[in-house]
């Protein structure tokens, strides 16, 4: 079974309750539940 990529191509993620320094240099894509997703 193949499912769609709900992260829209994300290569990074973190919990919403932290703000890692690396996230400043990434493109924000979406938030699902308690996680934020990014890509380069």
PDB file of N, CA and C in Angstrom:
ATOM      1  N   UNK A   1       0.844  -1.182   0.000  1.00  0.00           N
ATOM      2  CA  UNK A   1       0.000   0.000   0.000  1.00  0.00           C
ATOM      3  C   UNK A   1       0.886   1.241   0.000  1.00  0.00           C
ATOM      4  N   UNK A   2       0.579   2.177  -0.855  1.00  0.00           N
ATOM      5  CA  UNK A   2       1.319   3.427  -0.949  1.00  0.00           C
ATOM      6  C   UNK A   2       0.437   4.541  -0.415  1.00  0.00           C
ATOM      7  N   UNK A   3       0.991   5.340   0.481  1.00  0.00           N
ATOM      8  CA  UNK A   3       0.227   6.468   1.007  1.00  0.00           C
ATOM      9  C   UNK A   3       0.858   7.774   0.542  1.00  0.00           C
ATOM     10  N   UNK A   4       0.086   8.829   0.554  1.00  0.00           N
ATOM     11  CA  UNK A   4       0.611  10.121   0.128  1.00  0.00           C
ATOM     12  C   UNK A   4       1.528  10.703   1.205  1.00  0.00           C
ATOM     13  N   UNK A   5       2.398  11.597   0.796  1.00  0.00           N
ATOM     14  CA  UNK A   5       3.337  12.239   1.708  1.00  0.00           C
ATOM     15  C   UNK A   5       2.651  13.432   2.364  1.00  0.00           C
ATOM     16  N   UNK A   6       2.103  13.229   3.542  1.00  0.00           N
ATOM     17  CA  UNK A   6       1.376  14.300   4.217  1.00  0.00           C
ATOM     18  C   UNK A   6       2.296  15.444   4.652  1.00  0.00           C
ATOM     19  N   UNK A   7       3.619  15.221   4.641  1.00  0.00           N
ATOM     20  CA  UNK A   7       4.566  16.277   5.027  1.00  0.00           C
ATOM     21  C   UNK A   7       4.930  17.178   3.860  1.00  0.00           C
ATOM     22  N   UNK A   8       4.470  16.837   2.666  1.00  0.00           N
ATOM     23  CA  UNK A   8       4.721  17.642   1.468  1.00  0.00           C
ATOM     24  C   UNK A   8       6.212  17.769   1.168  1.00  0.00           C
ATOM     25  N   UNK A   9       6.948  16.685   1.370  1.00  0.00           N
ATOM     26  CA  UNK A   9       8.371  16.673   1.042  1.00  0.00           C
ATOM     27  C   UNK A   9       9.292  17.140   2.149  1.00  0.00           C
ATOM     28  N   UNK A  10       8.810  17.191   3.363  1.00  0.00           N
ATOM     29  CA  UNK A  10       9.640  17.648   4.484  1.00  0.00           C
ATOM     30  C   UNK A  10      10.842  16.735   4.696  1.00  0.00           C
ATOM     31  N   UNK A  11      11.947  17.361   5.072  1.00  0.00           N
ATOM     32  CA  UNK A  11      13.161  16.613   5.388  1.00  0.00           C
ATOM     33  C   UNK A  11      13.593  16.841   6.835  1.00  0.00           C
ATOM     34  N   UNK A  12      12.897  17.748   7.521  1.00  0.00           N
ATOM     35  CA  UNK A  12      13.190  18.053   8.925  1.00  0.00           C
ATOM     36  C   UNK A  12      11.882  18.246   9.673  1.00  0.00           C
ATOM     37  N   UNK A  13      11.912  17.968  10.959  1.00  0.00           N
ATOM     38  CA  UNK A  13      10.750  18.261  11.792  1.00  0.00           C
ATOM     39  C   UNK A  13      11.174  18.395  13.247  1.00  0.00           C
ATOM     40  N   UNK A  14      10.310  19.034  14.038  1.00  0.00           N
ATOM     41  CA  UNK A  14      10.533  19.140  15.481  1.00  0.00           C
ATOM     42  C   UNK A  14       9.192  19.333  16.169  1.00  0.00           C
ATOM     43  N   UNK A  15       9.195  19.117  17.467  1.00  0.00           N
ATOM     44  CA  UNK A  15       7.983  19.361  18.251  1.00  0.00           C
ATOM     45  C   UNK A  15       7.696  20.854  18.290  1.00  0.00           C
ATOM     46  N   UNK A  16       6.439  21.210  18.389  1.00  0.00           N
ATOM     47  CA  UNK A  16       6.056  22.616  18.380  1.00  0.00           C
ATOM     48  C   UNK A  16       6.503  23.375  19.619  1.00  0.00           C
ATOM     49  N   UNK A  17       6.819  22.662  20.691  1.00  0.00           N
ATOM     50  CA  UNK A  17       7.185  23.336  21.941  1.00  0.00           C
ATOM     51  C   UNK A  17       8.674  23.646  22.069  1.00  0.00           C
ATOM     52  N   UNK A  18       9.458  23.432  21.005  1.00  0.00           N
ATOM     53  CA  UNK A  18      10.864  23.827  20.982  1.00  0.00           C
ATOM     54  C   UNK A  18      11.122  24.657  19.731  1.00  0.00           C
ATOM     55  N   UNK A  19      12.194  25.418  19.735  1.00  0.00           N
ATOM     56  CA  UNK A  19      12.560  26.239  18.578  1.00  0.00           C
ATOM     57  C   UNK A  19      14.041  26.040  18.276  1.00  0.00           C
ATOM     58  N   UNK A  20      14.385  24.986  17.555  1.00  0.00           N
ATOM     59  CA  UNK A  20      15.794  24.725  17.262  1.00  0.00           C
ATOM     60  C   UNK A  20      16.385  25.791  16.328  1.00  0.00           C
ATOM     61  N   UNK A  21      17.666  26.090  16.538  1.00  0.00           N
ATOM     62  CA  UNK A  21      18.338  27.114  15.733  1.00  0.00           C
ATOM     63  C   UNK A  21      18.335  26.763  14.248  1.00  0.00           C
ATOM     64  N   UNK A  22      18.449  25.486  13.918  1.00  0.00           N
ATOM     65  CA  UNK A  22      18.520  25.088  12.505  1.00  0.00           C
ATOM     66  C   UNK A  22      17.243  25.443  11.740  1.00  0.00           C
ATOM     67  N   UNK A  23      16.116  25.558  12.431  1.00  0.00           N
ATOM     68  CA  UNK A  23      14.838  25.812  11.760  1.00  0.00           C
ATOM     69  C   UNK A  23      14.788  27.193  11.095  1.00  0.00           C
ATOM     70  N   UNK A  24      15.604  28.131  11.568  1.00  0.00           N
ATOM     71  CA  UNK A  24      15.618  29.477  10.987  1.00  0.00           C
ATOM     72  C   UNK A  24      16.043  29.467   9.523  1.00  0.00           C
ATOM     73  N   UNK A  25      16.842  28.487   9.126  1.00  0.00           N
ATOM     74  CA  UNK A  25      17.355  28.420   7.761  1.00  0.00           C
ATOM     75  C   UNK A  25      16.581  27.461   6.863  1.00  0.00           C
ATOM     76  N   UNK A  26      15.436  26.993   7.310  1.00  0.00           N
ATOM     77  CA  UNK A  26      14.634  26.038   6.542  1.00  0.00           C
ATOM     78  C   UNK A  26      13.315  26.673   6.111  1.00  0.00           C
ATOM     79  N   UNK A  27      12.702  26.084   5.119  1.00  0.00           N
ATOM     80  CA  UNK A  27      11.393  26.535   4.651  1.00  0.00           C
ATOM     81  C   UNK A  27      10.308  25.796   5.421  1.00  0.00           C
ATOM     82  N   UNK A  28       9.484  26.551   6.142  1.00  0.00           N
ATOM     83  CA  UNK A  28       8.385  25.960   6.905  1.00  0.00           C
ATOM     84  C   UNK A  28       7.318  25.459   5.941  1.00  0.00           C
ATOM     85  N   UNK A  29       6.850  24.240   6.170  1.00  0.00           N
ATOM     86  CA  UNK A  29       5.835  23.652   5.296  1.00  0.00           C
ATOM     87  C   UNK A  29       4.476  23.558   5.963  1.00  0.00           C
ATOM     88  N   UNK A  30       4.428  22.970   7.152  1.00  0.00           N
ATOM     89  CA  UNK A  30       3.137  22.734   7.785  1.00  0.00           C
ATOM     90  C   UNK A  30       3.317  22.260   9.215  1.00  0.00           C
ATOM     91  N   UNK A  31       2.213  22.259   9.934  1.00  0.00           N
ATOM     92  CA  UNK A  31       2.186  21.664  11.265  1.00  0.00           C
ATOM     93  C   UNK A  31       1.112  20.597  11.279  1.00  0.00           C
ATOM     94  N   UNK A  32       1.476  19.437  11.782  1.00  0.00           N
ATOM     95  CA  UNK A  32       0.542  18.324  11.943  1.00  0.00           C
ATOM     96  C   UNK A  32       0.636  17.868  13.381  1.00  0.00           C
ATOM     97  N   UNK A  33      -0.459  18.000  14.106  1.00  0.00           N
ATOM     98  CA  UNK A  33      -0.426  17.643  15.518  1.00  0.00           C
ATOM     99  C   UNK A  33       0.585  18.517  16.241  1.00  0.00           C
ATOM    100  N   UNK A  34       1.482  17.886  16.988  1.00  0.00           N
ATOM    101  CA  UNK A  34       2.472  18.610  17.787  1.00  0.00           C
ATOM    102  C   UNK A  34       3.803  18.792  17.067  1.00  0.00           C
ATOM    103  N   UNK A  35       3.847  18.583  15.753  1.00  0.00           N
ATOM    104  CA  UNK A  35       5.112  18.663  15.021  1.00  0.00           C
ATOM    105  C   UNK A  35       5.046  19.665  13.869  1.00  0.00           C
ATOM    106  N   UNK A  36       6.152  20.411  13.700  1.00  0.00           N
ATOM    107  CA  UNK A  36       6.302  21.339  12.584  1.00  0.00           C
ATOM    108  C   UNK A  36       7.269  20.725  11.581  1.00  0.00           C
ATOM    109  N   UNK A  37       6.968  20.868  10.303  1.00  0.00           N
ATOM    110  CA  UNK A  37       7.744  20.240   9.238  1.00  0.00           C
ATOM    111  C   UNK A  37       8.376  21.291   8.327  1.00  0.00           C
ATOM    112  N   UNK A  38       9.622  20.991   7.880  1.00  0.00           N
ATOM    113  CA  UNK A  38      10.421  21.916   7.081  1.00  0.00           C
ATOM    114  C   UNK A  38      11.148  21.163   5.978  1.00  0.00           C
ATOM    115  N   UNK A  39      11.687  21.927   5.021  1.00  0.00           N
ATOM    116  CA  UNK A  39      12.627  21.393   4.036  1.00  0.00           C
ATOM    117  C   UNK A  39      13.636  22.491   3.723  1.00  0.00           C
ATOM    118  N   UNK A  40      14.681  22.111   2.998  1.00  0.00           N
ATOM    119  CA  UNK A  40      15.743  23.080   2.658  1.00  0.00           C
ATOM    120  C   UNK A  40      15.237  24.154   1.738  1.00  0.00           C
TER     121      UNK A  40
END
